């Protein structure tokens, strides 16, 4: 069976939440691979408001 790939950011909250979801999927009999994703916002030092975004 091919593993499900579960994407998550690297923050403590995101990895905790995705770990919980992965555990539930494993309990249901699925193979799960957690894949860390880095977004442009994670590496950029610019404020969201400076690039025209809103929170």
C-alpha atoms as a PDB file:
ATOM      1  CA  UNK A   1       0.000   0.000   0.000  1.00  0.00           C
ATOM      2  CA  UNK A   2       1.252   3.489  -0.846  1.00  0.00           C
ATOM      3  CA  UNK A   3       1.722   5.748   2.159  1.00  0.00           C
ATOM      4  CA  UNK A   4      -0.447   8.830   2.516  1.00  0.00           C
ATOM      5  CA  UNK A   5       1.686  11.959   2.485  1.00  0.00           C
ATOM      6  CA  UNK A   6       0.593  14.501   5.082  1.00  0.00           C
ATOM      7  CA  UNK A   7       2.027  17.983   4.566  1.00  0.00           C
ATOM      8  CA  UNK A   8       2.755  20.240   7.528  1.00  0.00           C
ATOM      9  CA  UNK A   9       4.624  23.404   8.348  1.00  0.00           C
ATOM     10  CA  UNK A  10       7.515  23.106  10.807  1.00  0.00           C
ATOM     11  CA  UNK A  11       5.961  25.091  13.653  1.00  0.00           C
ATOM     12  CA  UNK A  12       5.314  23.330  16.952  1.00  0.00           C
ATOM     13  CA  UNK A  13       1.550  23.788  16.589  1.00  0.00           C
ATOM     14  CA  UNK A  14       1.440  22.495  13.007  1.00  0.00           C
ATOM     15  CA  UNK A  15       3.593  19.445  13.733  1.00  0.00           C
ATOM     16  CA  UNK A  16       1.550  18.606  16.834  1.00  0.00           C
ATOM     17  CA  UNK A  17      -1.697  18.836  14.891  1.00  0.00           C
ATOM     18  CA  UNK A  18      -0.438  16.848  11.919  1.00  0.00           C
ATOM     19  CA  UNK A  19       1.054  14.251  14.258  1.00  0.00           C
ATOM     20  CA  UNK A  20      -2.373  13.805  15.848  1.00  0.00           C
ATOM     21  CA  UNK A  21      -3.998  13.383  12.424  1.00  0.00           C
ATOM     22  CA  UNK A  22      -1.280  10.929  11.356  1.00  0.00           C
ATOM     23  CA  UNK A  23      -1.874   8.855  14.500  1.00  0.00           C
ATOM     24  CA  UNK A  24      -5.618   8.662  13.774  1.00  0.00           C
ATOM     25  CA  UNK A  25      -4.931   7.602  10.183  1.00  0.00           C
ATOM     26  CA  UNK A  26      -2.467   4.946  11.355  1.00  0.00           C
ATOM     27  CA  UNK A  27      -5.046   3.636  13.830  1.00  0.00           C
ATOM     28  CA  UNK A  28      -7.388   3.263  10.849  1.00  0.00           C
ATOM     29  CA  UNK A  29      -4.770   1.107   9.119  1.00  0.00           C
ATOM     30  CA  UNK A  30      -3.088   3.615   6.801  1.00  0.00           C
ATOM     31  CA  UNK A  31       0.627   4.135   6.277  1.00  0.00           C
ATOM     32  CA  UNK A  32       1.406   7.835   6.760  1.00  0.00           C
ATOM     33  CA  UNK A  33       4.462   9.875   5.850  1.00  0.00           C
ATOM     34  CA  UNK A  34       4.687  13.372   7.345  1.00  0.00           C
ATOM     35  CA  UNK A  35       6.272  15.846   4.919  1.00  0.00           C
ATOM     36  CA  UNK A  36       7.515  19.192   6.229  1.00  0.00           C
ATOM     37  CA  UNK A  37       6.682  22.155   4.003  1.00  0.00           C
ATOM     38  CA  UNK A  38       8.445  25.512   4.087  1.00  0.00           C
ATOM     39  CA  UNK A  39       6.415  28.406   2.694  1.00  0.00           C
ATOM     40  CA  UNK A  40       7.692  31.700   1.337  1.00  0.00           C
ATOM     41  CA  UNK A  41       6.253  33.338   4.443  1.00  0.00           C
ATOM     42  CA  UNK A  42       8.351  31.052   6.637  1.00  0.00           C
ATOM     43  CA  UNK A  43      11.611  32.233   5.057  1.00  0.00           C
ATOM     44  CA  UNK A  44      10.738  35.863   4.250  1.00  0.00           C
ATOM     45  CA  UNK A  45      11.510  38.525   6.809  1.00  0.00           C
ATOM     46  CA  UNK A  46       8.932  40.916   5.356  1.00  0.00           C
ATOM     47  CA  UNK A  47       5.819  41.891   7.245  1.00  0.00           C
ATOM     48  CA  UNK A  48       2.582  40.620   5.735  1.00  0.00           C
ATOM     49  CA  UNK A  49       1.268  44.179   5.498  1.00  0.00           C
ATOM     50  CA  UNK A  50       4.403  45.234   3.575  1.00  0.00           C
ATOM     51  CA  UNK A  51       3.630  42.803   0.759  1.00  0.00           C
ATOM     52  CA  UNK A  52      -0.046  43.742   0.561  1.00  0.00           C
ATOM     53  CA  UNK A  53      -1.519  40.956   2.642  1.00  0.00           C
ATOM     54  CA  UNK A  54      -3.914  40.974   5.543  1.00  0.00           C
ATOM     55  CA  UNK A  55      -4.058  38.637   8.500  1.00  0.00           C
END
